[in-house]
Amino acid sequence: MTKWLACALVAMTAVSSPTVESRLRDGDIIFHQSQSAQSRAIQLATHSRYSHMGILYNDHGKWFVYEAVQPVRLTPLRTWIARGHNGHFVVKRLRDPQRLTPAVLARMKTEGDHYRGKSYDLYFEWSDARIYCSELVWKIYKRAAGVEIGSLQKLRDFDLTHPIVRAKMRERYGDRIPLDEPVISPAAMFESEELAEVLRR
């Protein structure tokens, strides 16, 4: 059995449980450990297990993750989980979920539509021209719900000392590393006091 097939079976088992689906709500935030080429560098730089995230939405009874990959899109939840390491994921929610009224959720989806189809931002720039995963979620919550989840940092604030991180930085930026670029990381959002954990698999 291939590794991908094994993860896919784990994902099908995890999501098919009625208990799991009944615990999800529109607007929940889901985290996992990506298996992308840059995931290890992100983990080392942020000292966190979690390197990718998105927003959960229910569409006609089916769950999707709105995420910034290439390009920004809605991904079926089972597919999203299968892409993560060993099918593991964590779902978090605003500590005051009443803030996500139907009107606010509608604004979040409208705000998110502004980014649909945009390219993934490999350079982690704080602009809307291209966008990365935590930036997408942060901006949707900030602009549509008025909530800042996690604090912005500068690139220089992360741990850039590990050889894997240094190699990835050289690959992306050469000798011109934008150390003062504002960045929001999955780790900062995962640790935010605004969120409470509601599900872990």
N, C-alpha and C. Protein backbone atom coordinates (compact mmCIF):
# COMPACT_ATOMS: atom_id res chain seq x y z
N MET A 1 0.84 -1.19 0.00
CA MET A 1 0.00 0.00 0.00
C MET A 1 0.88 1.25 0.00
N THR A 2 0.59 2.16 -0.91
CA THR A 2 1.39 3.39 -0.97
C THR A 2 1.07 4.27 0.22
N LYS A 3 2.01 5.21 0.52
CA LYS A 3 1.81 6.13 1.64
C LYS A 3 0.59 7.00 1.40
N TRP A 4 0.40 7.47 0.15
CA TRP A 4 -0.75 8.34 -0.13
C TRP A 4 -2.05 7.60 0.09
N LEU A 5 -2.12 6.32 -0.35
CA LEU A 5 -3.34 5.54 -0.19
C LEU A 5 -3.64 5.32 1.28
N ALA A 6 -2.58 5.07 2.06
CA ALA A 6 -2.77 4.86 3.49
C ALA A 6 -3.35 6.11 4.13
N CYS A 7 -2.81 7.28 3.77
CA CYS A 7 -3.32 8.55 4.31
C CYS A 7 -4.76 8.79 3.86
N ALA A 8 -5.06 8.42 2.62
CA ALA A 8 -6.42 8.62 2.11
C ALA A 8 -7.41 7.76 2.89
N LEU A 9 -7.02 6.53 3.22
CA LEU A 9 -7.89 5.66 4.00
C LEU A 9 -8.09 6.21 5.40
N VAL A 10 -7.02 6.76 5.98
CA VAL A 10 -7.14 7.40 7.30
C VAL A 10 -8.11 8.56 7.23
N ALA A 11 -7.99 9.38 6.16
CA ALA A 11 -8.86 10.54 6.00
C ALA A 11 -10.32 10.12 5.86
N MET A 12 -10.57 9.08 5.06
CA MET A 12 -11.95 8.61 4.87
C MET A 12 -12.54 8.13 6.19
N THR A 13 -11.72 7.43 6.98
CA THR A 13 -12.19 6.94 8.27
C THR A 13 -12.48 8.11 9.21
N ALA A 14 -11.58 9.11 9.22
CA ALA A 14 -11.73 10.25 10.13
C ALA A 14 -12.95 11.08 9.81
N VAL A 15 -13.19 11.36 8.54
CA VAL A 15 -14.28 12.26 8.17
C VAL A 15 -15.61 11.54 8.11
N SER A 16 -15.60 10.23 7.84
CA SER A 16 -16.86 9.51 7.69
C SER A 16 -17.60 9.34 9.01
N SER A 17 -16.88 9.56 10.12
CA SER A 17 -17.54 9.43 11.42
C SER A 17 -18.57 10.53 11.61
N PRO A 18 -19.83 10.17 11.87
CA PRO A 18 -20.86 11.19 12.10
C PRO A 18 -20.49 12.11 13.26
N THR A 19 -19.79 11.55 14.26
CA THR A 19 -19.38 12.35 15.41
C THR A 19 -18.46 13.47 14.99
N VAL A 20 -17.53 13.19 14.08
CA VAL A 20 -16.59 14.20 13.61
C VAL A 20 -17.34 15.30 12.87
N GLU A 21 -18.14 14.96 11.91
CA GLU A 21 -18.83 15.96 11.11
C GLU A 21 -19.79 16.79 11.95
N SER A 22 -20.40 16.17 12.93
CA SER A 22 -21.36 16.90 13.76
C SER A 22 -20.67 17.93 14.64
N ARG A 23 -19.37 17.79 14.83
CA ARG A 23 -18.63 18.72 15.69
C ARG A 23 -18.05 19.90 14.92
N LEU A 24 -18.15 19.87 13.59
CA LEU A 24 -17.61 20.96 12.78
C LEU A 24 -18.65 22.06 12.61
N ARG A 25 -18.13 23.30 12.46
CA ARG A 25 -19.00 24.44 12.18
C ARG A 25 -18.38 25.28 11.07
N ASP A 26 -19.23 25.92 10.30
CA ASP A 26 -18.74 26.86 9.29
C ASP A 26 -17.82 27.88 9.94
N GLY A 27 -16.68 28.09 9.30
CA GLY A 27 -15.73 29.08 9.80
C GLY A 27 -14.68 28.52 10.73
N ASP A 28 -14.79 27.24 11.12
CA ASP A 28 -13.74 26.62 11.91
C ASP A 28 -12.42 26.67 11.15
N ILE A 29 -11.33 26.64 11.90
CA ILE A 29 -10.00 26.70 11.30
C ILE A 29 -9.32 25.35 11.52
N ILE A 30 -8.77 24.78 10.46
CA ILE A 30 -8.16 23.45 10.52
C ILE A 30 -6.67 23.54 10.21
N PHE A 31 -5.88 22.79 10.97
CA PHE A 31 -4.42 22.80 10.85
C PHE A 31 -3.92 21.37 10.60
N HIS A 32 -2.85 21.26 9.85
CA HIS A 32 -2.14 19.99 9.78
C HIS A 32 -0.67 20.22 9.41
N GLN A 33 0.06 19.11 9.35
CA GLN A 33 1.46 19.14 8.96
C GLN A 33 1.54 18.81 7.48
N SER A 34 1.81 19.83 6.69
CA SER A 34 1.89 19.65 5.25
C SER A 34 3.08 18.75 4.89
N GLN A 35 2.97 18.10 3.75
CA GLN A 35 4.09 17.31 3.24
C GLN A 35 4.73 17.98 2.02
N SER A 36 4.53 19.30 1.92
CA SER A 36 5.13 20.07 0.83
C SER A 36 6.64 20.21 1.04
N ALA A 37 7.31 20.69 0.01
CA ALA A 37 8.77 20.83 0.07
C ALA A 37 9.22 21.82 1.13
N GLN A 38 8.39 22.82 1.44
CA GLN A 38 8.80 23.85 2.38
C GLN A 38 8.33 23.60 3.82
N SER A 39 7.55 22.54 4.02
CA SER A 39 6.94 22.32 5.33
C SER A 39 7.96 22.21 6.45
N ARG A 40 9.02 21.44 6.23
CA ARG A 40 10.01 21.24 7.29
C ARG A 40 10.67 22.56 7.68
N ALA A 41 10.94 23.40 6.69
CA ALA A 41 11.56 24.69 6.98
C ALA A 41 10.61 25.55 7.82
N ILE A 42 9.32 25.53 7.50
CA ILE A 42 8.35 26.30 8.27
C ILE A 42 8.28 25.78 9.71
N GLN A 43 8.27 24.48 9.87
CA GLN A 43 8.23 23.90 11.22
C GLN A 43 9.44 24.32 12.04
N LEU A 44 10.61 24.26 11.43
CA LEU A 44 11.83 24.62 12.14
C LEU A 44 11.88 26.11 12.47
N ALA A 45 11.44 26.93 11.54
CA ALA A 45 11.51 28.38 11.74
C ALA A 45 10.51 28.84 12.79
N THR A 46 9.37 28.14 12.91
CA THR A 46 8.32 28.56 13.83
C THR A 46 8.25 27.71 15.10
N HIS A 47 9.06 26.65 15.15
CA HIS A 47 9.06 25.73 16.29
C HIS A 47 7.66 25.16 16.53
N SER A 48 7.01 24.76 15.45
CA SER A 48 5.66 24.22 15.54
C SER A 48 5.51 23.00 14.64
N ARG A 49 4.64 22.09 15.06
CA ARG A 49 4.34 20.92 14.24
C ARG A 49 3.53 21.31 13.01
N TYR A 50 2.74 22.39 13.13
CA TYR A 50 1.74 22.70 12.11
C TYR A 50 2.26 23.72 11.10
N SER A 51 2.14 23.36 9.82
CA SER A 51 2.71 24.19 8.76
C SER A 51 1.70 24.58 7.69
N HIS A 52 0.45 24.13 7.83
CA HIS A 52 -0.57 24.48 6.84
C HIS A 52 -1.93 24.57 7.51
N MET A 53 -2.83 25.39 6.92
CA MET A 53 -4.13 25.61 7.55
C MET A 53 -5.13 26.12 6.53
N GLY A 54 -6.41 26.12 6.91
CA GLY A 54 -7.45 26.65 6.06
C GLY A 54 -8.72 26.84 6.87
N ILE A 55 -9.78 27.29 6.20
CA ILE A 55 -11.07 27.52 6.84
C ILE A 55 -12.06 26.47 6.36
N LEU A 56 -12.81 25.91 7.30
CA LEU A 56 -13.82 24.90 6.98
C LEU A 56 -15.15 25.55 6.61
N TYR A 57 -15.71 25.09 5.49
CA TYR A 57 -17.03 25.53 5.06
C TYR A 57 -17.86 24.32 4.67
N ASN A 58 -19.15 24.38 4.99
CA ASN A 58 -20.07 23.33 4.58
C ASN A 58 -20.86 23.80 3.38
N ASP A 59 -20.83 23.02 2.31
CA ASP A 59 -21.56 23.36 1.09
C ASP A 59 -22.51 22.21 0.75
N HIS A 60 -23.80 22.45 0.98
CA HIS A 60 -24.83 21.44 0.69
C HIS A 60 -24.51 20.10 1.36
N GLY A 61 -24.10 20.19 2.63
CA GLY A 61 -23.88 18.98 3.41
C GLY A 61 -22.50 18.37 3.27
N LYS A 62 -21.64 18.94 2.45
CA LYS A 62 -20.28 18.41 2.27
C LYS A 62 -19.27 19.43 2.79
N TRP A 63 -18.23 18.93 3.46
CA TRP A 63 -17.24 19.79 4.07
C TRP A 63 -16.05 20.03 3.14
N PHE A 64 -15.63 21.29 3.10
CA PHE A 64 -14.49 21.72 2.28
C PHE A 64 -13.56 22.58 3.12
N VAL A 65 -12.32 22.65 2.67
CA VAL A 65 -11.34 23.55 3.28
C VAL A 65 -10.98 24.61 2.25
N TYR A 66 -11.18 25.87 2.62
CA TYR A 66 -10.76 26.97 1.75
C TYR A 66 -9.32 27.27 2.11
N GLU A 67 -8.42 27.09 1.14
CA GLU A 67 -6.99 27.14 1.44
C GLU A 67 -6.21 27.85 0.34
N ALA A 68 -5.06 28.36 0.73
CA ALA A 68 -4.12 28.93 -0.23
C ALA A 68 -3.09 27.86 -0.56
N VAL A 69 -3.27 27.26 -1.73
CA VAL A 69 -2.25 26.37 -2.31
C VAL A 69 -2.00 26.96 -3.70
N GLN A 70 -1.83 26.13 -4.68
CA GLN A 70 -1.64 26.65 -6.05
C GLN A 70 -2.74 26.12 -6.95
N PRO A 71 -3.80 26.91 -7.19
CA PRO A 71 -4.05 28.25 -6.66
C PRO A 71 -4.93 28.18 -5.42
N VAL A 72 -5.38 29.35 -4.91
CA VAL A 72 -6.33 29.40 -3.80
C VAL A 72 -7.63 28.73 -4.25
N ARG A 73 -8.16 27.80 -3.41
CA ARG A 73 -9.34 27.06 -3.83
C ARG A 73 -10.00 26.37 -2.65
N LEU A 74 -11.21 25.87 -2.91
CA LEU A 74 -11.91 24.98 -1.99
C LEU A 74 -11.46 23.55 -2.27
N THR A 75 -11.09 22.83 -1.21
CA THR A 75 -10.64 21.45 -1.34
C THR A 75 -11.53 20.56 -0.48
N PRO A 76 -12.03 19.45 -1.02
CA PRO A 76 -12.81 18.53 -0.18
C PRO A 76 -12.03 18.14 1.07
N LEU A 77 -12.71 18.11 2.21
CA LEU A 77 -12.03 17.86 3.48
C LEU A 77 -11.24 16.56 3.47
N ARG A 78 -11.80 15.50 2.91
CA ARG A 78 -11.08 14.23 2.90
C ARG A 78 -9.78 14.34 2.12
N THR A 79 -9.82 15.04 1.01
CA THR A 79 -8.61 15.23 0.21
C THR A 79 -7.58 16.02 0.99
N TRP A 80 -8.04 17.06 1.69
CA TRP A 80 -7.15 17.91 2.47
C TRP A 80 -6.46 17.11 3.58
N ILE A 81 -7.24 16.33 4.29
CA ILE A 81 -6.68 15.52 5.37
C ILE A 81 -5.66 14.52 4.84
N ALA A 82 -5.98 13.89 3.70
CA ALA A 82 -5.09 12.88 3.12
C ALA A 82 -3.74 13.45 2.73
N ARG A 83 -3.70 14.77 2.43
CA ARG A 83 -2.44 15.39 2.05
C ARG A 83 -1.53 15.63 3.25
N GLY A 84 -2.09 15.60 4.46
CA GLY A 84 -1.30 15.88 5.65
C GLY A 84 -0.54 14.66 6.13
N HIS A 85 0.36 14.90 7.04
CA HIS A 85 1.19 13.82 7.58
C HIS A 85 0.35 12.88 8.45
N ASN A 86 0.30 11.62 8.04
CA ASN A 86 -0.41 10.56 8.76
C ASN A 86 -1.89 10.87 9.01
N GLY A 87 -2.47 11.74 8.19
CA GLY A 87 -3.88 12.05 8.33
C GLY A 87 -4.24 12.82 9.59
N HIS A 88 -3.24 13.35 10.29
CA HIS A 88 -3.49 14.08 11.55
C HIS A 88 -3.96 15.50 11.25
N PHE A 89 -4.92 15.98 12.04
CA PHE A 89 -5.37 17.37 11.91
C PHE A 89 -5.94 17.85 13.24
N VAL A 90 -6.01 19.18 13.38
CA VAL A 90 -6.60 19.81 14.56
C VAL A 90 -7.57 20.88 14.08
N VAL A 91 -8.75 20.93 14.67
CA VAL A 91 -9.74 21.96 14.35
C VAL A 91 -9.88 22.90 15.54
N LYS A 92 -9.82 24.20 15.27
CA LYS A 92 -10.01 25.21 16.31
C LYS A 92 -11.14 26.16 15.92
N ARG A 93 -11.67 26.86 16.94
CA ARG A 93 -12.83 27.72 16.74
C ARG A 93 -12.69 28.94 17.64
N LEU A 94 -13.29 30.06 17.23
CA LEU A 94 -13.30 31.23 18.09
C LEU A 94 -13.86 30.87 19.46
N ARG A 95 -13.24 31.39 20.51
CA ARG A 95 -13.73 31.12 21.85
C ARG A 95 -15.15 31.66 22.05
N ASP A 96 -15.46 32.71 21.30
CA ASP A 96 -16.82 33.23 21.30
C ASP A 96 -17.42 32.98 19.92
N PRO A 97 -17.94 31.75 19.67
CA PRO A 97 -18.43 31.40 18.33
C PRO A 97 -19.64 32.22 17.90
N GLN A 98 -20.29 32.90 18.86
CA GLN A 98 -21.45 33.71 18.51
C GLN A 98 -21.06 34.90 17.63
N ARG A 99 -19.77 35.19 17.57
CA ARG A 99 -19.31 36.28 16.72
C ARG A 99 -19.46 35.94 15.24
N LEU A 100 -19.51 34.64 14.93
CA LEU A 100 -19.68 34.23 13.53
C LEU A 100 -21.16 34.04 13.23
N THR A 101 -21.85 35.15 13.14
CA THR A 101 -23.26 35.13 12.78
C THR A 101 -23.39 34.75 11.29
N PRO A 102 -24.59 34.39 10.83
CA PRO A 102 -24.75 34.13 9.40
C PRO A 102 -24.29 35.28 8.52
N ALA A 103 -24.54 36.52 8.97
CA ALA A 103 -24.11 37.68 8.19
C ALA A 103 -22.59 37.78 8.12
N VAL A 104 -21.91 37.50 9.24
CA VAL A 104 -20.45 37.54 9.26
C VAL A 104 -19.87 36.44 8.38
N LEU A 105 -20.43 35.23 8.48
CA LEU A 105 -19.96 34.13 7.64
C LEU A 105 -20.14 34.45 6.16
N ALA A 106 -21.24 35.11 5.82
CA ALA A 106 -21.45 35.50 4.42
C ALA A 106 -20.39 36.50 3.99
N ARG A 107 -20.04 37.44 4.87
CA ARG A 107 -18.98 38.40 4.54
C ARG A 107 -17.64 37.69 4.40
N MET A 108 -17.38 36.70 5.23
CA MET A 108 -16.12 35.94 5.14
C MET A 108 -16.01 35.24 3.79
N LYS A 109 -17.10 34.65 3.35
CA LYS A 109 -17.07 33.96 2.06
C LYS A 109 -16.91 34.94 0.91
N THR A 110 -17.53 36.10 1.03
CA THR A 110 -17.37 37.14 0.00
C THR A 110 -15.93 37.65 -0.03
N GLU A 111 -15.37 37.88 1.17
CA GLU A 111 -13.97 38.32 1.25
C GLU A 111 -13.06 37.25 0.67
N GLY A 112 -13.32 35.99 0.99
CA GLY A 112 -12.49 34.91 0.48
C GLY A 112 -12.53 34.80 -1.03
N ASP A 113 -13.67 35.14 -1.62
CA ASP A 113 -13.80 35.08 -3.08
C ASP A 113 -12.84 36.03 -3.79
N HIS A 114 -12.40 37.08 -3.11
CA HIS A 114 -11.44 38.01 -3.71
C HIS A 114 -10.10 37.33 -4.02
N TYR A 115 -9.81 36.26 -3.29
CA TYR A 115 -8.52 35.58 -3.45
C TYR A 115 -8.62 34.30 -4.29
N ARG A 116 -9.83 33.85 -4.56
CA ARG A 116 -9.98 32.58 -5.27
C ARG A 116 -9.24 32.61 -6.61
N GLY A 117 -8.45 31.58 -6.85
CA GLY A 117 -7.71 31.49 -8.10
C GLY A 117 -6.37 32.20 -8.09
N LYS A 118 -6.06 32.94 -7.00
CA LYS A 118 -4.77 33.63 -6.95
C LYS A 118 -3.65 32.63 -6.67
N SER A 119 -2.47 32.98 -7.10
CA SER A 119 -1.31 32.11 -6.95
C SER A 119 -0.84 32.06 -5.50
N TYR A 120 -0.25 30.93 -5.14
CA TYR A 120 0.36 30.80 -3.82
C TYR A 120 1.59 31.68 -3.74
N ASP A 121 1.77 32.33 -2.59
CA ASP A 121 2.88 33.26 -2.41
C ASP A 121 4.08 32.56 -1.78
N LEU A 122 5.03 32.17 -2.60
CA LEU A 122 6.24 31.50 -2.12
C LEU A 122 7.15 32.43 -1.35
N TYR A 123 6.94 33.75 -1.49
CA TYR A 123 7.85 34.73 -0.88
C TYR A 123 7.28 35.35 0.39
N PHE A 124 6.08 34.95 0.76
CA PHE A 124 5.46 35.42 2.00
C PHE A 124 5.40 36.94 2.08
N GLU A 125 4.95 37.56 1.01
CA GLU A 125 4.83 39.02 0.97
C GLU A 125 3.46 39.43 1.50
N TRP A 126 3.43 40.58 2.19
CA TRP A 126 2.17 41.04 2.79
C TRP A 126 1.41 41.91 1.80
N SER A 127 1.03 41.31 0.71
CA SER A 127 0.21 41.99 -0.29
C SER A 127 -0.88 41.01 -0.71
N ASP A 128 -1.85 41.50 -1.48
CA ASP A 128 -2.93 40.63 -1.92
C ASP A 128 -2.70 40.06 -3.32
N ALA A 129 -1.55 40.37 -3.92
CA ALA A 129 -1.29 39.91 -5.28
C ALA A 129 -1.18 38.39 -5.33
N ARG A 130 -0.47 37.85 -4.37
CA ARG A 130 -0.37 36.40 -4.15
C ARG A 130 -0.58 36.18 -2.66
N ILE A 131 -0.88 34.95 -2.29
CA ILE A 131 -1.26 34.76 -0.87
C ILE A 131 -0.85 33.37 -0.38
N TYR A 132 -0.46 33.31 0.89
CA TYR A 132 -0.09 32.02 1.49
C TYR A 132 -1.14 31.62 2.53
N CYS A 133 -1.04 30.41 3.05
CA CYS A 133 -2.17 29.81 3.77
C CYS A 133 -2.62 30.59 4.99
N SER A 134 -1.70 30.91 5.89
CA SER A 134 -2.10 31.61 7.11
C SER A 134 -2.51 33.06 6.81
N GLU A 135 -1.89 33.65 5.81
CA GLU A 135 -2.27 35.01 5.40
C GLU A 135 -3.72 35.03 4.92
N LEU A 136 -4.13 34.02 4.16
CA LEU A 136 -5.50 33.95 3.67
C LEU A 136 -6.49 33.92 4.82
N VAL A 137 -6.25 33.03 5.77
CA VAL A 137 -7.18 32.88 6.90
C VAL A 137 -7.18 34.15 7.76
N TRP A 138 -6.00 34.70 8.04
CA TRP A 138 -5.89 35.89 8.87
C TRP A 138 -6.64 37.06 8.25
N LYS A 139 -6.45 37.29 6.96
CA LYS A 139 -7.07 38.43 6.30
C LYS A 139 -8.59 38.27 6.21
N ILE A 140 -9.07 37.06 5.97
CA ILE A 140 -10.51 36.84 5.92
C ILE A 140 -11.14 37.15 7.27
N TYR A 141 -10.54 36.64 8.35
CA TYR A 141 -11.08 36.90 9.68
C TYR A 141 -10.97 38.37 10.06
N LYS A 142 -9.85 38.99 9.75
CA LYS A 142 -9.65 40.40 10.10
C LYS A 142 -10.61 41.30 9.32
N ARG A 143 -10.69 41.11 8.02
CA ARG A 143 -11.45 42.02 7.17
C ARG A 143 -12.95 41.77 7.19
N ALA A 144 -13.36 40.54 7.41
CA ALA A 144 -14.79 40.23 7.37
C ALA A 144 -15.41 40.08 8.75
N ALA A 145 -14.63 39.63 9.73
CA ALA A 145 -15.16 39.40 11.07
C ALA A 145 -14.60 40.36 12.11
N GLY A 146 -13.58 41.13 11.73
CA GLY A 146 -12.98 42.07 12.66
C GLY A 146 -12.17 41.43 13.76
N VAL A 147 -11.67 40.22 13.51
CA VAL A 147 -10.92 39.46 14.51
C VAL A 147 -9.49 39.24 14.02
N GLU A 148 -8.51 39.58 14.86
CA GLU A 148 -7.10 39.29 14.56
C GLU A 148 -6.72 38.01 15.30
N ILE A 149 -6.43 36.96 14.54
CA ILE A 149 -6.06 35.68 15.14
C ILE A 149 -4.54 35.52 15.04
N GLY A 150 -3.86 35.69 16.15
CA GLY A 150 -2.41 35.64 16.14
C GLY A 150 -1.82 37.00 15.80
N SER A 151 -0.61 37.22 16.26
CA SER A 151 0.07 38.49 16.05
C SER A 151 1.00 38.43 14.85
N LEU A 152 0.98 39.50 14.07
CA LEU A 152 1.94 39.62 12.97
C LEU A 152 3.35 39.71 13.52
N GLN A 153 4.28 39.11 12.79
CA GLN A 153 5.69 39.18 13.14
C GLN A 153 6.46 39.67 11.93
N LYS A 154 7.72 39.96 12.12
CA LYS A 154 8.64 40.22 11.02
C LYS A 154 9.36 38.92 10.69
N LEU A 155 9.80 38.78 9.46
CA LEU A 155 10.52 37.57 9.07
C LEU A 155 11.72 37.34 9.97
N ARG A 156 12.37 38.42 10.41
CA ARG A 156 13.54 38.29 11.26
C ARG A 156 13.23 37.70 12.63
N ASP A 157 11.94 37.69 13.03
CA ASP A 157 11.56 37.18 14.34
C ASP A 157 11.59 35.66 14.42
N PHE A 158 11.62 35.00 13.28
CA PHE A 158 11.60 33.54 13.28
C PHE A 158 13.02 32.99 13.45
N ASP A 159 13.09 31.71 13.76
CA ASP A 159 14.38 31.05 13.92
C ASP A 159 14.91 30.67 12.53
N LEU A 160 15.85 31.45 12.05
CA LEU A 160 16.38 31.26 10.69
C LEU A 160 17.74 30.59 10.70
N THR A 161 18.09 29.94 11.81
CA THR A 161 19.45 29.43 11.98
C THR A 161 19.65 28.01 11.44
N HIS A 162 18.62 27.21 11.36
CA HIS A 162 18.79 25.81 10.95
C HIS A 162 19.21 25.75 9.48
N PRO A 163 20.12 24.82 9.13
CA PRO A 163 20.58 24.72 7.73
C PRO A 163 19.43 24.53 6.72
N ILE A 164 18.38 23.79 7.09
CA ILE A 164 17.25 23.60 6.17
C ILE A 164 16.55 24.93 5.92
N VAL A 165 16.38 25.71 6.98
CA VAL A 165 15.74 27.02 6.85
C VAL A 165 16.62 27.95 6.02
N ARG A 166 17.90 27.96 6.31
CA ARG A 166 18.83 28.84 5.60
C ARG A 166 18.87 28.50 4.11
N ALA A 167 18.85 27.20 3.80
CA ALA A 167 18.86 26.79 2.40
C ALA A 167 17.59 27.23 1.68
N LYS A 168 16.44 27.10 2.35
CA LYS A 168 15.18 27.52 1.74
C LYS A 168 15.16 29.04 1.53
N MET A 169 15.71 29.77 2.47
CA MET A 169 15.77 31.23 2.34
C MET A 169 16.66 31.63 1.17
N ARG A 170 17.78 30.98 1.03
CA ARG A 170 18.68 31.28 -0.11
C ARG A 170 18.00 30.96 -1.42
N GLU A 171 17.28 29.83 -1.45
CA GLU A 171 16.57 29.42 -2.67
C GLU A 171 15.54 30.47 -3.08
N ARG A 172 14.83 31.03 -2.09
CA ARG A 172 13.76 31.99 -2.37
C ARG A 172 14.28 33.40 -2.62
N TYR A 173 15.22 33.84 -1.80
CA TYR A 173 15.58 35.25 -1.80
C TYR A 173 17.01 35.56 -2.23
N GLY A 174 17.85 34.54 -2.35
CA GLY A 174 19.26 34.81 -2.62
C GLY A 174 19.87 35.54 -1.43
N ASP A 175 20.57 36.64 -1.70
CA ASP A 175 21.21 37.40 -0.63
C ASP A 175 20.35 38.57 -0.15
N ARG A 176 19.14 38.70 -0.69
CA ARG A 176 18.29 39.85 -0.34
C ARG A 176 17.05 39.36 0.43
N ILE A 177 17.28 38.96 1.66
CA ILE A 177 16.20 38.44 2.49
C ILE A 177 15.43 39.60 3.10
N PRO A 178 14.12 39.67 2.88
CA PRO A 178 13.31 40.79 3.40
C PRO A 178 12.98 40.60 4.88
N LEU A 179 13.94 40.82 5.73
CA LEU A 179 13.80 40.51 7.15
C LEU A 179 12.72 41.32 7.86
N ASP A 180 12.35 42.45 7.29
CA ASP A 180 11.33 43.29 7.94
C ASP A 180 9.94 43.10 7.34
N GLU A 181 9.76 42.09 6.49
CA GLU A 181 8.45 41.83 5.90
C GLU A 181 7.48 41.31 6.97
N PRO A 182 6.27 41.90 7.08
CA PRO A 182 5.28 41.36 8.03
C PRO A 182 4.86 39.95 7.61
N VAL A 183 4.73 39.07 8.59
CA VAL A 183 4.37 37.68 8.33
C VAL A 183 3.41 37.20 9.42
N ILE A 184 2.41 36.42 9.03
CA ILE A 184 1.59 35.70 10.00
C ILE A 184 1.82 34.21 9.76
N SER A 185 2.17 33.48 10.79
CA SER A 185 2.50 32.06 10.62
C SER A 185 1.36 31.17 11.12
N PRO A 186 1.29 29.93 10.60
CA PRO A 186 0.33 28.98 11.16
C PRO A 186 0.53 28.79 12.66
N ALA A 187 1.79 28.82 13.10
CA ALA A 187 2.08 28.63 14.53
C ALA A 187 1.46 29.73 15.37
N ALA A 188 1.59 30.99 14.92
CA ALA A 188 1.04 32.11 15.68
C ALA A 188 -0.48 32.01 15.77
N MET A 189 -1.11 31.56 14.70
CA MET A 189 -2.56 31.41 14.71
C MET A 189 -2.98 30.20 15.55
N PHE A 190 -2.23 29.14 15.48
CA PHE A 190 -2.54 27.94 16.26
C PHE A 190 -2.50 28.24 17.76
N GLU A 191 -1.56 29.09 18.17
CA GLU A 191 -1.38 29.40 19.59
C GLU A 191 -2.23 30.59 20.05
N SER A 192 -3.00 31.18 19.16
CA SER A 192 -3.78 32.37 19.50
C SER A 192 -4.79 32.10 20.62
N GLU A 193 -4.88 33.05 21.55
CA GLU A 193 -5.86 32.97 22.63
C GLU A 193 -7.28 33.16 22.12
N GLU A 194 -7.43 33.64 20.88
CA GLU A 194 -8.76 33.81 20.32
C GLU A 194 -9.42 32.47 20.01
N LEU A 195 -8.61 31.40 19.91
CA LEU A 195 -9.12 30.12 19.46
C LEU A 195 -9.14 29.08 20.58
N ALA A 196 -10.09 28.17 20.47
CA ALA A 196 -10.16 27.01 21.36
C ALA A 196 -10.19 25.74 20.51
N GLU A 197 -9.51 24.71 20.95
CA GLU A 197 -9.50 23.45 20.21
C GLU A 197 -10.83 22.72 20.39
N VAL A 198 -11.36 22.24 19.26
CA VAL A 198 -12.63 21.51 19.34
C VAL A 198 -12.52 20.07 18.82
N LEU A 199 -11.46 19.77 18.09
CA LEU A 199 -11.33 18.43 17.52
C LEU A 199 -9.87 18.17 17.17
N ARG A 200 -9.42 16.95 17.46
CA ARG A 200 -8.06 16.51 17.12
C ARG A 200 -8.14 15.06 16.69
N ARG A 201 -7.55 14.75 15.52
CA ARG A 201 -7.53 13.38 15.02
C ARG A 201 -6.13 13.04 14.52
